[in-house]
């Protein structure tokens, strides 16, 4: 079975622009269900995380819809690298 391709930069931008006030929460992934595969190299861990969470900018955490954004020079990839590195 082929792995799902990662979102394009345009698709990632669309995900980042989702309005938390109008999003269908049933379409969001509960972050508690995401399993970080620590045995994978960092780049593959990030890819696996994005595949599992579907939208890294908008998800469910402890039953609440969460929307995150980034300011300054830090990218999503850099933030994820810091969060899931060993």
Protein backbone atom coordinates (compact mmCIF):
# COMPACT_ATOMS: atom_id res chain seq x y z
CA UNK A 1 0.00 0.00 0.00
CA UNK A 2 1.49 3.34 -1.04
CA UNK A 3 1.93 6.03 1.59
CA UNK A 4 -0.09 9.18 1.24
CA UNK A 5 1.97 12.01 -0.20
CA UNK A 6 2.70 15.01 1.98
CA UNK A 7 0.69 18.15 1.36
CA UNK A 8 2.05 20.66 -1.13
CA UNK A 9 3.07 24.12 0.12
CA UNK A 10 -0.20 25.44 -1.30
CA UNK A 11 -2.20 22.80 0.59
CA UNK A 12 -0.29 23.61 3.78
CA UNK A 13 -1.17 27.29 3.31
CA UNK A 14 -4.84 26.37 2.92
CA UNK A 15 -4.66 24.36 6.14
CA UNK A 16 -3.09 27.31 7.94
CA UNK A 17 -5.94 29.57 6.79
CA UNK A 18 -8.75 27.41 8.21
CA UNK A 19 -11.06 29.42 10.45
CA UNK A 20 -11.30 27.73 13.84
CA UNK A 21 -14.75 29.31 14.34
CA UNK A 22 -16.25 27.55 11.31
CA UNK A 23 -14.23 24.35 10.96
CA UNK A 24 -16.12 21.05 11.10
CA UNK A 25 -14.58 19.63 14.28
CA UNK A 26 -15.52 16.09 13.24
CA UNK A 27 -12.92 16.45 10.46
CA UNK A 28 -10.12 17.19 12.94
CA UNK A 29 -7.73 14.62 14.40
CA UNK A 30 -7.35 14.22 18.17
CA UNK A 31 -3.66 14.82 18.87
CA UNK A 32 -3.83 12.25 21.68
CA UNK A 33 -4.25 9.58 18.97
CA UNK A 34 -1.05 10.60 17.15
CA UNK A 35 1.91 8.35 17.86
CA UNK A 36 5.42 9.77 17.33
CA UNK A 37 7.60 7.07 15.80
CA UNK A 38 10.84 7.80 17.69
CA UNK A 39 12.76 5.12 15.80
CA UNK A 40 12.40 7.04 12.52
CA UNK A 41 14.93 9.65 11.39
CA UNK A 42 13.80 13.20 12.20
CA UNK A 43 12.65 14.05 8.65
CA UNK A 44 10.57 10.87 8.44
CA UNK A 45 9.11 11.53 11.92
CA UNK A 46 7.91 14.93 10.77
CA UNK A 47 6.39 13.45 7.61
CA UNK A 48 4.72 10.69 9.63
CA UNK A 49 3.35 13.23 12.12
CA UNK A 50 1.84 15.35 9.34
CA UNK A 51 0.30 12.25 7.74
CA UNK A 52 -1.31 11.30 11.07
CA UNK A 53 -2.50 14.73 12.21
CA UNK A 54 -3.69 15.67 8.69
CA UNK A 55 -3.69 19.38 9.52
CA UNK A 56 -0.84 20.41 11.83
CA UNK A 57 -2.39 23.86 12.21
CA UNK A 58 -5.81 22.75 13.46
CA UNK A 59 -6.61 19.69 15.57
CA UNK A 60 -8.38 18.48 18.72
CA UNK A 61 -6.55 18.52 22.07
CA UNK A 62 -8.30 17.34 25.25
CA UNK A 63 -11.66 17.70 23.50
CA UNK A 64 -11.08 21.28 22.35
CA UNK A 65 -10.42 22.46 18.79
CA UNK A 66 -6.98 24.11 18.66
CA UNK A 67 -5.59 26.40 15.98
CA UNK A 68 -1.89 27.23 15.95
CA UNK A 69 0.08 29.74 13.93
CA UNK A 70 3.68 30.80 13.66
CA UNK A 71 5.19 34.26 13.73
CA UNK A 72 8.63 35.51 12.94
CA UNK A 73 11.18 33.42 11.11
CA UNK A 74 10.22 30.04 12.53
CA UNK A 75 8.56 27.66 10.06
CA UNK A 76 6.23 24.78 10.80
CA UNK A 77 8.99 22.34 9.88
CA UNK A 78 11.46 24.01 12.28
CA UNK A 79 8.90 23.99 15.08
CA UNK A 80 8.04 20.33 14.50
CA UNK A 81 11.73 19.45 14.41
CA UNK A 82 12.19 20.96 17.87
CA UNK A 83 9.06 19.31 19.22
CA UNK A 84 9.73 15.75 18.10
CA UNK A 85 13.51 15.54 18.15
CA UNK A 86 15.11 13.09 20.55
